[in-house]
Amino acid sequence: MEGKPAITAISWTGGKDCNLALLFAKRDPALDVRYLVVFRISEKAFHAHPISLMRQQADSLGLELLFVDFPEGSTDYFQAYVDGIRNLYDSYGICTISTGDMDLVGTMERNWMERCCEAAGINVHLPLWEINREAALNIMIEEGFEIIYSCVKSPFFDASWINRKLDRTALEDMKKIISSGLTQEQINDGVKPLDLCGERGEYHTMCIGGPLYQSKICLQVNDEPNKQMTKQKTKWEGNIHNSSCIWTISLNEN
């Protein structure tokens, strides 16, 4: 006799990848998806992934939104994650966390959530691990996800991409950016080509509708996105994208 499906939470940002992970997890009979969990520094604003939007997503998806908060200034984030995950197990019986991770981040040699879950004594579900980027985006488009760009960074993007839909036209435009190559200056700076799924942090998204949503998320988006210039052009480390200019979505929440 098979055991009961594992009570599962999706590591949540509201973006395209965790939404696809949620879809795969919901279709896995071994998993019982009940929660979305946001790991965050306490009270720190998520400009690329607004909390207010995540709350609307949770309501539309019919799932409970949980938060694991870390005090600002924490120095041992690994232990903070492990303690937070253990608390999720103790408080909600969560024994599997599913993430939309596709690749290693920066100079890490192993998936972060896999390490944390292992130390906390629960399972990790990585349905998108090492997935082909274009294939992943095609699945999202074919499944009917409605995805918008909520944060984009130079040198590959500009303000016009904010609130744009990630559809086949946008996908083709990103492929053109890749095919156009890098300038010699960018090569000298160690810039890597654009990752189609933004796995180096080149862009972030939010999902406002899709196959699991009971209703579309309604947003009031200001015409002008937020713009942030970095103090200086930073170098790239591992596969982390550093940019001289970042644009994020501006919501009218009054």
C-alpha atoms as a PDB file:
ATOM      1  CA  MET A   1       0.000   0.000   0.000  1.00  0.00           C
ATOM      2  CA  GLU A   2       1.419   3.343  -1.052  1.00  0.00           C
ATOM      3  CA  GLY A   3       1.833   6.121   1.497  1.00  0.00           C
ATOM      4  CA  LYS A   4      -0.087   9.369   1.485  1.00  0.00           C
ATOM      5  CA  PRO A   5       1.119  12.156  -0.816  1.00  0.00           C
ATOM      6  CA  ALA A   6       3.739  14.376   0.806  1.00  0.00           C
ATOM      7  CA  ILE A   7       2.498  17.713   2.138  1.00  0.00           C
ATOM      8  CA  THR A   8       4.289  20.162  -0.136  1.00  0.00           C
ATOM      9  CA  ALA A   9       5.082  23.871  -0.265  1.00  0.00           C
ATOM     10  CA  ILE A  10       6.299  25.758  -3.313  1.00  0.00           C
ATOM     11  CA  SER A  11       9.218  28.126  -2.743  1.00  0.00           C
ATOM     12  CA  TRP A  12       7.481  31.244  -4.037  1.00  0.00           C
ATOM     13  CA  THR A  13       8.405  34.520  -5.667  1.00  0.00           C
ATOM     14  CA  GLY A  14       5.361  34.752  -7.918  1.00  0.00           C
ATOM     15  CA  GLY A  15       7.506  34.540 -11.044  1.00  0.00           C
ATOM     16  CA  LYS A  16       7.348  32.265 -14.043  1.00  0.00           C
ATOM     17  CA  ASP A  17       9.643  29.500 -12.771  1.00  0.00           C
ATOM     18  CA  CYS A  18       7.915  28.857  -9.447  1.00  0.00           C
ATOM     19  CA  ASN A  19       4.562  28.912 -11.249  1.00  0.00           C
ATOM     20  CA  LEU A  20       5.763  26.195 -13.617  1.00  0.00           C
ATOM     21  CA  ALA A  21       7.146  24.226 -10.665  1.00  0.00           C
ATOM     22  CA  LEU A  22       3.721  24.543  -9.022  1.00  0.00           C
ATOM     23  CA  LEU A  23       2.032  23.173 -12.135  1.00  0.00           C
ATOM     24  CA  PHE A  24       4.371  20.174 -12.254  1.00  0.00           C
ATOM     25  CA  ALA A  25       3.987  19.578  -8.510  1.00  0.00           C
ATOM     26  CA  LYS A  26       0.180  19.710  -8.728  1.00  0.00           C
ATOM     27  CA  ARG A  27       0.308  17.063 -11.456  1.00  0.00           C
ATOM     28  CA  ASP A  28       2.561  14.776  -9.387  1.00  0.00           C
ATOM     29  CA  PRO A  29       0.393  12.261  -7.491  1.00  0.00           C
ATOM     30  CA  ALA A  30       3.157  11.831  -4.902  1.00  0.00           C
ATOM     31  CA  LEU A  31       2.782  15.463  -3.794  1.00  0.00           C
ATOM     32  CA  ASP A  32      -0.011  17.220  -1.906  1.00  0.00           C
ATOM     33  CA  VAL A  33       0.547  20.920  -2.619  1.00  0.00           C
ATOM     34  CA  ARG A  34      -0.991  23.084   0.089  1.00  0.00           C
ATOM     35  CA  TYR A  35       1.267  26.085   0.571  1.00  0.00           C
ATOM     36  CA  LEU A  36       3.321  28.792  -1.086  1.00  0.00           C
ATOM     37  CA  VAL A  37       6.279  29.889   1.022  1.00  0.00           C
ATOM     38  CA  VAL A  38       8.237  33.129   0.661  1.00  0.00           C
ATOM     39  CA  PHE A  39      11.730  33.293   2.127  1.00  0.00           C
ATOM     40  CA  ARG A  40      12.551  36.942   2.823  1.00  0.00           C
ATOM     41  CA  ILE A  41      14.464  39.437   4.894  1.00  0.00           C
ATOM     42  CA  SER A  42      11.937  40.897   7.348  1.00  0.00           C
ATOM     43  CA  GLU A  43      10.073  43.946   6.070  1.00  0.00           C
ATOM     44  CA  LYS A  44      12.389  44.358   3.081  1.00  0.00           C
ATOM     45  CA  ALA A  45      10.470  45.424  -0.014  1.00  0.00           C
ATOM     46  CA  PHE A  46      10.409  43.044  -2.997  1.00  0.00           C
ATOM     47  CA  HIS A  47      10.486  45.459  -5.920  1.00  0.00           C
ATOM     48  CA  ALA A  48      10.683  42.752  -8.579  1.00  0.00           C
ATOM     49  CA  HIS A  49       8.183  40.496  -6.789  1.00  0.00           C
ATOM     50  CA  PRO A  50       5.634  42.665  -4.922  1.00  0.00           C
ATOM     51  CA  ILE A  51       4.173  40.970  -1.833  1.00  0.00           C
ATOM     52  CA  SER A  52       0.742  42.455  -2.575  1.00  0.00           C
ATOM     53  CA  LEU A  53       0.762  40.669  -5.923  1.00  0.00           C
ATOM     54  CA  MET A  54       1.817  37.386  -4.297  1.00  0.00           C
ATOM     55  CA  ARG A  55      -1.149  37.632  -1.919  1.00  0.00           C
ATOM     56  CA  GLN A  56      -3.497  38.005  -4.891  1.00  0.00           C
ATOM     57  CA  GLN A  57      -1.865  35.000  -6.553  1.00  0.00           C
ATOM     58  CA  ALA A  58      -2.337  32.845  -3.448  1.00  0.00           C
ATOM     59  CA  ASP A  59      -6.018  33.812  -3.244  1.00  0.00           C
ATOM     60  CA  SER A  60      -6.576  32.990  -6.909  1.00  0.00           C
ATOM     61  CA  LEU A  61      -4.665  29.697  -6.618  1.00  0.00           C
ATOM     62  CA  GLY A  62      -6.508  28.698  -3.443  1.00  0.00           C
ATOM     63  CA  LEU A  63      -3.273  28.116  -1.528  1.00  0.00           C
ATOM     64  CA  GLU A  64      -2.047  29.522   1.777  1.00  0.00           C
ATOM     65  CA  LEU A  65       0.838  31.988   1.560  1.00  0.00           C
ATOM     66  CA  LEU A  66       3.464  31.539   4.280  1.00  0.00           C
ATOM     67  CA  PHE A  67       6.507  33.651   5.117  1.00  0.00           C
ATOM     68  CA  VAL A  68       9.875  32.643   6.519  1.00  0.00           C
ATOM     69  CA  ASP A  69      11.420  35.888   7.738  1.00  0.00           C
ATOM     70  CA  PHE A  70      15.085  36.501   8.453  1.00  0.00           C
ATOM     71  CA  PRO A  71      16.227  39.480  10.541  1.00  0.00           C
ATOM     72  CA  GLU A  72      17.972  42.143   8.469  1.00  0.00           C
ATOM     73  CA  GLY A  73      21.696  41.849   9.034  1.00  0.00           C
ATOM     74  CA  SER A  74      21.638  38.081   9.448  1.00  0.00           C
ATOM     75  CA  THR A  75      25.064  36.593   8.837  1.00  0.00           C
ATOM     76  CA  ASP A  76      24.332  32.864   8.711  1.00  0.00           C
ATOM     77  CA  TYR A  77      21.623  32.565   6.070  1.00  0.00           C
ATOM     78  CA  PHE A  78      22.139  28.836   5.665  1.00  0.00           C
ATOM     79  CA  GLN A  79      21.240  28.176   9.291  1.00  0.00           C
ATOM     80  CA  ALA A  80      18.382  30.675   9.062  1.00  0.00           C
ATOM     81  CA  TYR A  81      16.939  28.779   6.091  1.00  0.00           C
ATOM     82  CA  VAL A  82      17.381  25.428   7.838  1.00  0.00           C
ATOM     83  CA  ASP A  83      15.670  26.698  10.999  1.00  0.00           C
ATOM     84  CA  GLY A  84      12.859  28.206   8.929  1.00  0.00           C
ATOM     85  CA  ILE A  85      12.306  24.976   7.017  1.00  0.00           C
ATOM     86  CA  ARG A  86      12.263  22.943  10.227  1.00  0.00           C
ATOM     87  CA  ASN A  87       9.624  25.309  11.566  1.00  0.00           C
ATOM     88  CA  LEU A  88       7.547  24.745   8.427  1.00  0.00           C
ATOM     89  CA  TYR A  89       7.671  21.015   9.116  1.00  0.00           C
ATOM     90  CA  ASP A  90       6.829  21.409  12.802  1.00  0.00           C
ATOM     91  CA  SER A  91       4.019  23.925  12.225  1.00  0.00           C
ATOM     92  CA  TYR A  92       2.429  22.696   8.996  1.00  0.00           C
ATOM     93  CA  GLY A  93       3.730  19.184   8.404  1.00  0.00           C
ATOM     94  CA  ILE A  94       5.511  20.295   5.232  1.00  0.00           C
ATOM     95  CA  CYS A  95       7.916  17.518   4.264  1.00  0.00           C
ATOM     96  CA  THR A  96       8.695  18.549   0.657  1.00  0.00           C
ATOM     97  CA  ILE A  97       9.628  21.920  -0.802  1.00  0.00           C
ATOM     98  CA  SER A  98       9.383  22.365  -4.561  1.00  0.00           C
ATOM     99  CA  THR A  99      11.355  25.087  -6.316  1.00  0.00           C
ATOM    100  CA  GLY A 100      11.636  26.472  -9.831  1.00  0.00           C
ATOM    101  CA  ASP A 101      15.435  26.412  -9.711  1.00  0.00           C
ATOM    102  CA  MET A 102      17.000  25.596 -13.055  1.00  0.00           C
ATOM    103  CA  ASP A 103      20.716  25.970 -12.418  1.00  0.00           C
ATOM    104  CA  LEU A 104      23.387  26.752  -9.844  1.00  0.00           C
ATOM    105  CA  VAL A 105      23.547  30.349  -8.642  1.00  0.00           C
ATOM    106  CA  GLY A 106      26.773  32.325  -8.685  1.00  0.00           C
ATOM    107  CA  THR A 107      29.730  30.324  -7.450  1.00  0.00           C
ATOM    108  CA  MET A 108      27.638  27.746  -5.584  1.00  0.00           C
ATOM    109  CA  GLU A 109      28.604  24.144  -6.239  1.00  0.00           C
ATOM    110  CA  ARG A 110      25.259  22.677  -5.200  1.00  0.00           C
ATOM    111  CA  ASN A 111      21.608  23.728  -5.253  1.00  0.00           C
ATOM    112  CA  TRP A 112      20.910  25.976  -2.256  1.00  0.00           C
ATOM    113  CA  MET A 113      17.448  24.640  -1.385  1.00  0.00           C
ATOM    114  CA  GLU A 114      18.624  21.064  -1.757  1.00  0.00           C
ATOM    115  CA  ARG A 115      21.350  21.705   0.835  1.00  0.00           C
ATOM    116  CA  CYS A 116      18.970  23.474   3.206  1.00  0.00           C
ATOM    117  CA  CYS A 117      16.234  20.860   2.961  1.00  0.00           C
ATOM    118  CA  GLU A 118      18.725  18.038   3.453  1.00  0.00           C
ATOM    119  CA  ALA A 119      20.039  19.689   6.624  1.00  0.00           C
ATOM    120  CA  ALA A 120      16.466  20.282   7.829  1.00  0.00           C
ATOM    121  CA  GLY A 121      15.524  16.651   7.208  1.00  0.00           C
ATOM    122  CA  ILE A 122      12.907  17.114   4.489  1.00  0.00           C
ATOM    123  CA  ASN A 123      12.740  16.461   0.746  1.00  0.00           C
ATOM    124  CA  VAL A 124      13.288  18.852  -2.130  1.00  0.00           C
ATOM    125  CA  HIS A 125      11.487  18.712  -5.493  1.00  0.00           C
ATOM    126  CA  LEU A 126      13.368  20.197  -8.480  1.00  0.00           C
ATOM    127  CA  PRO A 127      11.147  19.654 -11.543  1.00  0.00           C
ATOM    128  CA  LEU A 128      12.949  22.282 -13.659  1.00  0.00           C
ATOM    129  CA  TRP A 129      16.523  21.402 -12.791  1.00  0.00           C
ATOM    130  CA  GLU A 130      18.819  21.754 -15.850  1.00  0.00           C
ATOM    131  CA  ILE A 131      15.816  22.126 -18.151  1.00  0.00           C
ATOM    132  CA  ASN A 132      16.411  23.529 -21.627  1.00  0.00           C
ATOM    133  CA  ARG A 133      15.606  27.238 -21.342  1.00  0.00           C
ATOM    134  CA  GLU A 134      13.683  27.634 -24.589  1.00  0.00           C
ATOM    135  CA  ALA A 135      11.753  24.448 -23.888  1.00  0.00           C
ATOM    136  CA  ALA A 136      10.766  25.794 -20.458  1.00  0.00           C
ATOM    137  CA  LEU A 137       9.473  29.051 -21.910  1.00  0.00           C
ATOM    138  CA  ASN A 138       7.595  27.186 -24.638  1.00  0.00           C
ATOM    139  CA  ILE A 139       5.874  25.045 -22.008  1.00  0.00           C
ATOM    140  CA  MET A 140       4.801  28.158 -20.102  1.00  0.00           C
ATOM    141  CA  ILE A 141       3.420  29.771 -23.237  1.00  0.00           C
ATOM    142  CA  GLU A 142       1.669  26.604 -24.405  1.00  0.00           C
ATOM    143  CA  GLU A 143       0.130  26.010 -20.973  1.00  0.00           C
ATOM    144  CA  GLY A 144      -1.397  29.478 -21.076  1.00  0.00           C
ATOM    145  CA  PHE A 145       0.537  31.257 -18.345  1.00  0.00           C
ATOM    146  CA  GLU A 146       0.141  35.033 -18.456  1.00  0.00           C
ATOM    147  CA  ILE A 147       3.557  36.398 -17.521  1.00  0.00           C
ATOM    148  CA  ILE A 148       4.784  39.977 -17.342  1.00  0.00           C
ATOM    149  CA  TYR A 149       8.301  41.370 -16.926  1.00  0.00           C
ATOM    150  CA  SER A 150       8.541  42.971 -13.474  1.00  0.00           C
ATOM    151  CA  CYS A 151      12.273  43.731 -13.423  1.00  0.00           C
ATOM    152  CA  VAL A 152      14.818  44.095 -16.218  1.00  0.00           C
ATOM    153  CA  LYS A 153      18.478  45.071 -16.242  1.00  0.00           C
ATOM    154  CA  SER A 154      20.993  46.576 -18.609  1.00  0.00           C
ATOM    155  CA  PRO A 155      22.779  45.860 -20.871  1.00  0.00           C
ATOM    156  CA  PHE A 156      20.213  43.538 -22.438  1.00  0.00           C
ATOM    157  CA  PHE A 157      16.947  45.311 -21.584  1.00  0.00           C
ATOM    158  CA  ASP A 158      15.473  48.782 -21.103  1.00  0.00           C
ATOM    159  CA  ALA A 159      12.378  50.317 -19.496  1.00  0.00           C
ATOM    160  CA  SER A 160      10.126  49.357 -22.416  1.00  0.00           C
ATOM    161  CA  TRP A 161      10.198  45.725 -21.273  1.00  0.00           C
ATOM    162  CA  ILE A 162       8.522  46.439 -17.930  1.00  0.00           C
ATOM    163  CA  ASN A 163       4.929  45.117 -17.828  1.00  0.00           C
ATOM    164  CA  ARG A 164       5.430  43.571 -21.258  1.00  0.00           C
ATOM    165  CA  LYS A 165       3.982  40.084 -21.696  1.00  0.00           C
ATOM    166  CA  LEU A 166       6.408  37.209 -22.000  1.00  0.00           C
ATOM    167  CA  ASP A 167       4.901  35.684 -25.121  1.00  0.00           C
ATOM    168  CA  ARG A 168       6.300  34.227 -28.336  1.00  0.00           C
ATOM    169  CA  THR A 169       7.180  37.674 -29.667  1.00  0.00           C
ATOM    170  CA  ALA A 170       9.114  38.508 -26.501  1.00  0.00           C
ATOM    171  CA  LEU A 171      10.819  35.123 -26.659  1.00  0.00           C
ATOM    172  CA  GLU A 172      11.930  35.769 -30.234  1.00  0.00           C
ATOM    173  CA  ASP A 173      13.172  39.236 -29.266  1.00  0.00           C
ATOM    174  CA  MET A 174      15.267  37.740 -26.453  1.00  0.00           C
ATOM    175  CA  LYS A 175      16.696  35.188 -28.878  1.00  0.00           C
ATOM    176  CA  LYS A 176      17.682  38.087 -31.165  1.00  0.00           C
ATOM    177  CA  ILE A 177      19.479  39.759 -28.247  1.00  0.00           C
ATOM    178  CA  ILE A 178      21.454  36.560 -27.745  1.00  0.00           C
ATOM    179  CA  SER A 179      22.225  36.104 -31.438  1.00  0.00           C
ATOM    180  CA  SER A 180      23.485  39.690 -31.728  1.00  0.00           C
ATOM    181  CA  GLY A 181      26.355  38.750 -29.451  1.00  0.00           C
ATOM    182  CA  LEU A 182      28.387  40.822 -27.011  1.00  0.00           C
ATOM    183  CA  THR A 183      30.543  43.872 -27.559  1.00  0.00           C
ATOM    184  CA  GLN A 184      34.277  43.613 -26.999  1.00  0.00           C
ATOM    185  CA  GLU A 185      33.902  45.816 -23.919  1.00  0.00           C
ATOM    186  CA  GLN A 186      31.304  43.464 -22.471  1.00  0.00           C
ATOM    187  CA  ILE A 187      33.536  40.485 -23.185  1.00  0.00           C
ATOM    188  CA  ASN A 188      36.439  42.226 -21.483  1.00  0.00           C
ATOM    189  CA  ASP A 189      34.215  42.873 -18.457  1.00  0.00           C
ATOM    190  CA  GLY A 190      33.379  39.173 -18.251  1.00  0.00           C
ATOM    191  CA  VAL A 191      29.755  39.619 -19.306  1.00  0.00           C
ATOM    192  CA  LYS A 192      28.005  36.379 -20.194  1.00  0.00           C
ATOM    193  CA  PRO A 193      25.323  36.052 -22.878  1.00  0.00           C
ATOM    194  CA  LEU A 194      21.717  36.562 -21.883  1.00  0.00           C
ATOM    195  CA  ASP A 195      20.158  33.457 -20.340  1.00  0.00           C
ATOM    196  CA  LEU A 196      16.727  32.999 -21.971  1.00  0.00           C
ATOM    197  CA  CYS A 197      15.107  32.345 -18.587  1.00  0.00           C
ATOM    198  CA  GLY A 198      17.041  35.066 -16.790  1.00  0.00           C
ATOM    199  CA  GLU A 199      18.889  32.554 -14.629  1.00  0.00           C
ATOM    200  CA  ARG A 200      21.728  35.012 -14.065  1.00  0.00           C
ATOM    201  CA  GLY A 201      19.266  37.604 -12.782  1.00  0.00           C
ATOM    202  CA  GLU A 202      19.009  39.512 -16.063  1.00  0.00           C
ATOM    203  CA  TYR A 203      15.237  39.820 -15.644  1.00  0.00           C
ATOM    204  CA  HIS A 204      12.408  38.806 -13.327  1.00  0.00           C
ATOM    205  CA  THR A 205       8.727  38.180 -13.954  1.00  0.00           C
ATOM    206  CA  MET A 206       5.370  37.869 -12.238  1.00  0.00           C
ATOM    207  CA  CYS A 207       2.526  35.595 -13.289  1.00  0.00           C
ATOM    208  CA  ILE A 208      -0.945  37.172 -13.446  1.00  0.00           C
ATOM    209  CA  GLY A 209      -2.892  34.208 -14.814  1.00  0.00           C
ATOM    210  CA  GLY A 210      -2.608  30.629 -15.927  1.00  0.00           C
ATOM    211  CA  PRO A 211      -4.022  27.103 -15.865  1.00  0.00           C
ATOM    212  CA  LEU A 212      -4.260  26.940 -12.056  1.00  0.00           C
ATOM    213  CA  TYR A 213      -5.613  30.453 -11.478  1.00  0.00           C
ATOM    214  CA  GLN A 214      -9.290  30.849 -10.667  1.00  0.00           C
ATOM    215  CA  SER A 215      -9.193  34.465 -11.827  1.00  0.00           C
ATOM    216  CA  LYS A 216      -6.713  36.791 -13.483  1.00  0.00           C
ATOM    217  CA  ILE A 217      -4.694  39.099 -11.249  1.00  0.00           C
ATOM    218  CA  CYS A 218      -5.661  42.740 -11.771  1.00  0.00           C
ATOM    219  CA  LEU A 219      -2.862  45.285 -11.567  1.00  0.00           C
ATOM    220  CA  GLN A 220      -2.770  49.063 -11.721  1.00  0.00           C
ATOM    221  CA  VAL A 221       0.638  49.729 -13.223  1.00  0.00           C
ATOM    222  CA  ASN A 222       2.085  53.231 -13.298  1.00  0.00           C
ATOM    223  CA  ASP A 223       3.325  54.436 -16.674  1.00  0.00           C
ATOM    224  CA  GLU A 224       6.863  55.064 -15.462  1.00  0.00           C
ATOM    225  CA  PRO A 225       8.737  52.102 -13.929  1.00  0.00           C
ATOM    226  CA  ASN A 226      11.090  52.516 -11.009  1.00  0.00           C
ATOM    227  CA  LYS A 227      14.669  53.129 -12.126  1.00  0.00           C
ATOM    228  CA  GLN A 228      17.803  52.460 -10.114  1.00  0.00           C
ATOM    229  CA  MET A 229      21.317  53.313 -11.172  1.00  0.00           C
ATOM    230  CA  THR A 230      24.021  51.337  -9.413  1.00  0.00           C
ATOM    231  CA  LYS A 231      26.808  53.355  -7.826  1.00  0.00           C
ATOM    232  CA  GLN A 232      29.303  51.863 -10.221  1.00  0.00           C
ATOM    233  CA  LYS A 233      29.356  49.275 -12.937  1.00  0.00           C
ATOM    234  CA  THR A 234      30.058  46.045 -11.106  1.00  0.00           C
ATOM    235  CA  LYS A 235      31.805  42.957 -12.297  1.00  0.00           C
ATOM    236  CA  TRP A 236      30.166  39.596 -12.805  1.00  0.00           C
ATOM    237  CA  GLU A 237      30.798  36.822 -10.296  1.00  0.00           C
ATOM    238  CA  GLY A 238      29.979  33.249 -11.224  1.00  0.00           C
ATOM    239  CA  ASN A 239      26.739  33.504 -13.176  1.00  0.00           C
ATOM    240  CA  ILE A 240      25.297  36.462 -11.246  1.00  0.00           C
ATOM    241  CA  HIS A 241      24.269  39.374 -13.444  1.00  0.00           C
ATOM    242  CA  ASN A 242      25.313  42.806 -12.228  1.00  0.00           C
ATOM    243  CA  SER A 243      23.955  45.819 -14.012  1.00  0.00           C
ATOM    244  CA  SER A 244      24.530  49.550 -14.209  1.00  0.00           C
ATOM    245  CA  CYS A 245      20.773  50.189 -14.509  1.00  0.00           C
ATOM    246  CA  ILE A 246      17.762  48.300 -13.169  1.00  0.00           C
ATOM    247  CA  TRP A 247      14.078  48.958 -13.893  1.00  0.00           C
ATOM    248  CA  THR A 248      11.273  47.512 -11.770  1.00  0.00           C
ATOM    249  CA  ILE A 249       7.512  47.614 -12.097  1.00  0.00           C
ATOM    250  CA  SER A 250       5.703  50.444 -10.314  1.00  0.00           C
ATOM    251  CA  LEU A 251       2.264  49.555  -8.953  1.00  0.00           C
ATOM    252  CA  ASN A 252      -0.446  51.977  -7.935  1.00  0.00           C
ATOM    253  CA  GLU A 253      -1.722  50.317  -4.769  1.00  0.00           C
ATOM    254  CA  ASN A 254      -3.843  53.191  -3.421  1.00  0.00           C
END
